Structures are given as C-alpha cells and as structure tokens.
Amino acid sequence: MLTSSITTMKSYNPALRGYHAVYRENAVNHCPGCGRTHWLIGRMLAECGFCGTALPLSESYSRGAAAPLFRHGTGGLKSAA
C-alpha cells in the first residue's frame, strides 16, 4: 500500500520540498525554461512570453480566495479588506 511521505512525517517542514519557482511581482523574474524576462500575467499564473513556462504568482499563496485584489498603477497590490 502506498502512503504519502507528508502523512508519515510528524511535522511538515516546507524547507524539505526543495526549489519552488514562483513569479514575484516586484522583482526581475527570469524564466526557468529559457532565461528570458517577458511574462504574461494572469490571476493565478504568470506565463513566459517566449517558451510558455507557467509559474504560480507568489501573491496567490499569501492571500485567500475570498478577498478581491486590486492593482492601482505601479503602486502594487492592495487588498479590498
């Protein structure tokens, strides 16, 4: 019978999962597939404009799905709450 390694561990340590590539809004993001920096940004993912590699947005991990997100110019992200 197969068991998940997470369920067999006593406490979950996120550092053990290794490299986790995410798109960060206020940083230069190089594509892990081709090394370029042109991105198409969606609500949950950023897709490389050249090779199509998709990365999750780092902001999508830090906030819940219930709170709307607004962008105002170059000021960054603001939550409605």
Protein backbone atom coordinates (compact mmCIF):
# COMPACT_ATOMS: atom_id res chain seq x y z
CA MET A 1 0.00 0.00 0.00
CA LEU A 2 1.31 3.46 -0.89
CA THR A 3 1.39 6.19 1.73
CA SER A 4 2.20 9.84 1.38
CA SER A 5 5.53 10.93 2.82
CA ILE A 6 3.84 14.01 4.31
CA THR A 7 1.36 11.96 6.32
CA THR A 8 4.11 9.74 7.72
CA MET A 9 6.17 12.71 8.95
CA LYS A 10 5.42 14.03 12.43
CA SER A 11 5.67 17.69 11.42
CA TYR A 12 5.70 19.23 7.96
CA ASN A 13 8.88 21.12 7.06
CA PRO A 14 8.49 23.22 3.86
CA ALA A 15 12.28 23.54 3.53
CA LEU A 16 12.46 19.85 2.64
CA ARG A 17 10.43 20.24 -0.57
CA GLY A 18 13.37 21.86 -2.39
CA TYR A 19 13.37 24.52 -5.09
CA HIS A 20 9.96 26.09 -5.69
CA ALA A 21 9.87 28.64 -8.53
CA VAL A 22 7.26 31.41 -8.25
CA TYR A 23 6.71 34.72 -10.05
CA ARG A 24 7.39 37.68 -7.75
CA GLU A 25 5.77 40.95 -8.79
CA ASN A 26 8.40 43.42 -7.56
CA ALA A 27 11.46 41.54 -8.83
CA VAL A 28 13.13 40.67 -12.12
CA ASN A 29 11.87 37.18 -12.92
CA HIS A 30 13.96 35.04 -15.26
CA CYS A 31 12.17 32.11 -16.86
CA PRO A 32 13.49 28.77 -15.57
CA GLY A 33 12.93 27.31 -19.06
CA CYS A 34 14.61 29.84 -21.35
CA GLY A 35 16.10 32.55 -19.09
CA ARG A 36 14.16 35.47 -20.62
CA THR A 37 12.14 38.05 -18.68
CA HIS A 38 8.94 38.67 -20.73
CA TRP A 39 5.85 37.47 -18.84
CA LEU A 40 2.09 37.36 -19.43
CA ILE A 41 0.44 37.85 -16.04
CA GLY A 42 -2.90 36.26 -15.13
CA ARG A 43 -4.86 35.96 -11.90
CA MET A 44 -3.06 32.86 -10.60
CA LEU A 45 -0.18 32.22 -13.05
CA ALA A 46 2.49 34.06 -14.99
CA GLU A 47 3.40 32.55 -18.37
CA CYS A 48 6.68 33.13 -20.19
CA GLY A 49 6.05 35.05 -23.40
CA PHE A 50 8.68 33.07 -25.30
CA CYS A 51 8.60 29.41 -24.23
CA GLY A 52 5.25 29.17 -22.38
CA THR A 53 6.60 28.05 -19.00
CA ALA A 54 3.98 28.84 -16.34
CA LEU A 55 4.79 29.87 -12.77
CA PRO A 56 2.35 30.48 -9.92
CA LEU A 57 2.18 34.03 -8.56
CA SER A 58 3.74 34.41 -5.12
CA GLU A 59 0.78 36.62 -4.08
CA SER A 60 -1.67 33.78 -4.77
CA TYR A 61 -0.15 31.78 -1.89
CA SER A 62 -0.29 34.57 0.68
CA ARG A 63 -3.96 35.52 0.43
CA GLY A 64 -7.23 33.64 0.47
CA ALA A 65 -9.57 33.23 -2.47
CA ALA A 66 -12.34 35.31 -0.84
CA ALA A 67 -10.60 38.71 -0.72
CA PRO A 68 -10.54 40.59 -4.06
CA LEU A 69 -7.27 42.09 -5.24
CA PHE A 70 -6.91 45.50 -6.89
CA ARG A 71 -4.00 46.98 -8.84
CA HIS A 72 -3.59 50.75 -8.85
CA GLY A 73 -0.97 51.90 -11.37
CA THR A 74 2.55 50.98 -10.30
CA GLY A 75 1.76 51.15 -6.57
CA GLY A 76 1.50 47.39 -6.26
CA LEU A 77 -1.21 45.17 -4.89
CA LYS A 78 -3.91 46.27 -2.47
CA SER A 79 -6.47 44.09 -0.77
CA ALA A 80 -10.10 45.18 -0.55
CA ALA A 81 -10.36 44.34 3.15
